[in-house]
Amino acid sequence: MTCPRCGSTNISSNKISEELIGKVLYGAQAMQHAGLRGPAVLGLGAAGVMKGINSLRADWCCGNCDTRF
């Protein structure tokens, strides 16, 4: 894959990783099991916001010219 603007092959994902979202969800679940409902709800909300951000972001980012496509 190449950048449509500069032709570079230095392309990376522009999304928040599913691994990070999974860690946030795991932490929220652990907090709920520990009886900490407030932080658990905040963790679930943060994961939801991260997924929402991913739906709005472009898929790829060029490392050379910072174009998102």
N, C-alpha and C. Protein backbone atom coordinates (compact mmCIF):
# COMPACT_ATOMS: atom_id res chain seq x y z
N MET A 1 0.85 -1.17 0.00
CA MET A 1 0.00 0.00 0.00
C MET A 1 0.90 1.24 0.00
N THR A 2 0.48 2.23 -0.73
CA THR A 2 1.23 3.48 -0.79
C THR A 2 0.32 4.66 -0.46
N CYS A 3 0.94 5.72 0.02
CA CYS A 3 0.21 6.94 0.36
C CYS A 3 -0.29 7.60 -0.92
N PRO A 4 -1.56 8.01 -0.95
CA PRO A 4 -2.09 8.66 -2.16
C PRO A 4 -1.50 10.06 -2.37
N ARG A 5 -0.92 10.65 -1.35
CA ARG A 5 -0.39 12.01 -1.48
C ARG A 5 1.08 12.03 -1.89
N CYS A 6 1.92 11.23 -1.17
CA CYS A 6 3.37 11.30 -1.43
C CYS A 6 3.95 10.02 -2.02
N GLY A 7 3.17 8.94 -2.05
CA GLY A 7 3.64 7.68 -2.62
C GLY A 7 4.49 6.85 -1.70
N SER A 8 4.63 7.25 -0.45
CA SER A 8 5.45 6.51 0.50
C SER A 8 4.80 5.19 0.88
N THR A 9 5.62 4.23 1.27
CA THR A 9 5.11 2.95 1.77
C THR A 9 5.18 2.89 3.29
N ASN A 10 5.51 4.00 3.93
CA ASN A 10 5.60 4.08 5.40
C ASN A 10 4.19 4.34 5.95
N ILE A 11 3.35 3.29 5.91
CA ILE A 11 1.94 3.40 6.28
C ILE A 11 1.70 2.63 7.57
N SER A 12 0.89 3.20 8.46
CA SER A 12 0.52 2.51 9.70
C SER A 12 -0.97 2.70 9.96
N SER A 13 -1.49 1.89 10.86
CA SER A 13 -2.90 1.98 11.20
C SER A 13 -3.17 3.29 11.95
N ASN A 14 -4.31 3.88 11.71
CA ASN A 14 -4.70 5.11 12.37
C ASN A 14 -5.78 4.85 13.42
N LYS A 15 -6.05 3.59 13.70
CA LYS A 15 -7.10 3.21 14.65
C LYS A 15 -6.49 2.92 16.03
N ILE A 16 -7.30 3.06 17.06
CA ILE A 16 -6.92 2.62 18.40
C ILE A 16 -6.97 1.10 18.38
N SER A 17 -5.92 0.45 18.88
CA SER A 17 -5.83 -1.00 18.75
C SER A 17 -6.92 -1.71 19.55
N GLU A 18 -7.40 -2.80 18.99
CA GLU A 18 -8.40 -3.62 19.68
C GLU A 18 -7.80 -4.21 20.95
N GLU A 19 -6.50 -4.41 20.98
CA GLU A 19 -5.82 -4.93 22.17
C GLU A 19 -5.96 -3.95 23.33
N LEU A 20 -5.77 -2.67 23.06
CA LEU A 20 -5.90 -1.64 24.11
C LEU A 20 -7.35 -1.56 24.60
N ILE A 21 -8.30 -1.60 23.68
CA ILE A 21 -9.71 -1.57 24.07
C ILE A 21 -10.04 -2.79 24.92
N GLY A 22 -9.49 -3.95 24.57
CA GLY A 22 -9.70 -5.17 25.35
C GLY A 22 -9.13 -5.05 26.75
N LYS A 23 -7.98 -4.40 26.88
CA LYS A 23 -7.37 -4.21 28.21
C LYS A 23 -8.24 -3.31 29.08
N VAL A 24 -8.81 -2.27 28.47
CA VAL A 24 -9.70 -1.38 29.22
C VAL A 24 -10.94 -2.14 29.69
N LEU A 25 -11.51 -2.96 28.81
CA LEU A 25 -12.68 -3.77 29.19
C LEU A 25 -12.34 -4.78 30.27
N TYR A 26 -11.16 -5.39 30.17
CA TYR A 26 -10.73 -6.35 31.19
C TYR A 26 -10.58 -5.66 32.54
N GLY A 27 -10.00 -4.45 32.54
CA GLY A 27 -9.86 -3.69 33.78
C GLY A 27 -11.21 -3.32 34.37
N ALA A 28 -12.16 -2.96 33.53
CA ALA A 28 -13.50 -2.62 34.01
C ALA A 28 -14.16 -3.85 34.63
N GLN A 29 -13.98 -4.99 33.99
CA GLN A 29 -14.55 -6.23 34.53
C GLN A 29 -13.91 -6.58 35.87
N ALA A 30 -12.61 -6.41 35.99
CA ALA A 30 -11.92 -6.69 37.24
C ALA A 30 -12.40 -5.76 38.35
N MET A 31 -12.62 -4.51 38.01
CA MET A 31 -13.11 -3.56 39.02
C MET A 31 -14.51 -3.93 39.48
N GLN A 32 -15.34 -4.39 38.56
CA GLN A 32 -16.69 -4.77 38.94
C GLN A 32 -16.66 -5.98 39.87
N HIS A 33 -15.80 -6.95 39.58
CA HIS A 33 -15.68 -8.12 40.45
C HIS A 33 -15.14 -7.75 41.82
N ALA A 34 -14.36 -6.67 41.88
CA ALA A 34 -13.83 -6.20 43.16
C ALA A 34 -14.84 -5.34 43.91
N GLY A 35 -16.00 -5.10 43.32
CA GLY A 35 -17.04 -4.32 43.97
C GLY A 35 -16.93 -2.82 43.75
N LEU A 36 -16.11 -2.41 42.80
CA LEU A 36 -15.92 -0.99 42.51
C LEU A 36 -16.76 -0.62 41.29
N ARG A 37 -18.02 -0.34 41.52
CA ARG A 37 -18.94 -0.12 40.40
C ARG A 37 -18.67 1.19 39.65
N GLY A 38 -18.33 2.25 40.37
CA GLY A 38 -18.09 3.54 39.72
C GLY A 38 -16.96 3.47 38.70
N PRO A 39 -15.76 3.02 39.11
CA PRO A 39 -14.67 2.90 38.13
C PRO A 39 -14.97 1.89 37.02
N ALA A 40 -15.74 0.86 37.32
CA ALA A 40 -16.10 -0.12 36.29
C ALA A 40 -16.97 0.53 35.22
N VAL A 41 -17.91 1.36 35.63
CA VAL A 41 -18.77 2.05 34.67
C VAL A 41 -17.94 3.03 33.84
N LEU A 42 -16.99 3.72 34.47
CA LEU A 42 -16.12 4.63 33.73
C LEU A 42 -15.27 3.88 32.71
N GLY A 43 -14.78 2.70 33.09
CA GLY A 43 -14.00 1.89 32.16
C GLY A 43 -14.82 1.44 30.97
N LEU A 44 -16.06 1.03 31.21
CA LEU A 44 -16.93 0.63 30.11
C LEU A 44 -17.23 1.82 29.20
N GLY A 45 -17.45 2.97 29.82
CA GLY A 45 -17.69 4.18 29.02
C GLY A 45 -16.48 4.56 28.19
N ALA A 46 -15.29 4.43 28.77
CA ALA A 46 -14.06 4.74 28.03
C ALA A 46 -13.89 3.80 26.84
N ALA A 47 -14.18 2.52 27.03
CA ALA A 47 -14.08 1.57 25.92
C ALA A 47 -15.08 1.92 24.82
N GLY A 48 -16.27 2.32 25.21
CA GLY A 48 -17.28 2.72 24.22
C GLY A 48 -16.86 3.95 23.45
N VAL A 49 -16.26 4.90 24.13
CA VAL A 49 -15.77 6.11 23.47
C VAL A 49 -14.65 5.76 22.49
N MET A 50 -13.76 4.86 22.91
CA MET A 50 -12.65 4.45 22.04
C MET A 50 -13.18 3.78 20.76
N LYS A 51 -14.19 2.95 20.91
CA LYS A 51 -14.79 2.31 19.72
C LYS A 51 -15.47 3.35 18.83
N GLY A 52 -16.11 4.33 19.44
CA GLY A 52 -16.73 5.40 18.68
C GLY A 52 -15.71 6.22 17.91
N ILE A 53 -14.59 6.51 18.55
CA ILE A 53 -13.51 7.24 17.89
C ILE A 53 -12.99 6.44 16.70
N ASN A 54 -12.84 5.14 16.89
CA ASN A 54 -12.36 4.29 15.79
C ASN A 54 -13.29 4.33 14.59
N SER A 55 -14.58 4.42 14.85
CA SER A 55 -15.53 4.45 13.72
C SER A 55 -15.43 5.75 12.92
N LEU A 56 -14.92 6.82 13.55
CA LEU A 56 -14.81 8.11 12.88
C LEU A 56 -13.45 8.34 12.23
N ARG A 57 -12.43 7.60 12.66
CA ARG A 57 -11.08 7.82 12.16
C ARG A 57 -10.85 7.16 10.81
N ALA A 58 -9.93 7.73 10.04
CA ALA A 58 -9.49 7.10 8.79
C ALA A 58 -8.71 5.83 9.14
N ASP A 59 -8.69 4.87 8.23
CA ASP A 59 -8.04 3.59 8.51
C ASP A 59 -6.53 3.67 8.59
N TRP A 60 -5.91 4.47 7.73
CA TRP A 60 -4.46 4.46 7.61
C TRP A 60 -3.87 5.86 7.78
N CYS A 61 -2.57 5.91 8.12
CA CYS A 61 -1.84 7.16 8.28
C CYS A 61 -0.46 7.01 7.64
N CYS A 62 -0.04 8.00 6.89
CA CYS A 62 1.29 8.01 6.27
C CYS A 62 2.29 8.54 7.29
N GLY A 63 3.39 7.82 7.47
CA GLY A 63 4.42 8.25 8.41
C GLY A 63 5.28 9.38 7.89
N ASN A 64 5.27 9.63 6.59
CA ASN A 64 6.10 10.69 6.01
C ASN A 64 5.38 12.03 5.96
N CYS A 65 4.18 12.06 5.39
CA CYS A 65 3.49 13.35 5.21
C CYS A 65 2.28 13.50 6.16
N ASP A 66 2.03 12.50 6.99
CA ASP A 66 0.97 12.54 8.00
C ASP A 66 -0.44 12.63 7.38
N THR A 67 -0.58 12.18 6.15
CA THR A 67 -1.89 12.13 5.51
C THR A 67 -2.68 10.95 6.06
N ARG A 68 -3.94 11.18 6.35
CA ARG A 68 -4.80 10.09 6.83
C ARG A 68 -5.79 9.75 5.72
N PHE A 69 -5.90 8.45 5.44
CA PHE A 69 -6.78 8.00 4.36
C PHE A 69 -7.38 6.67 4.70
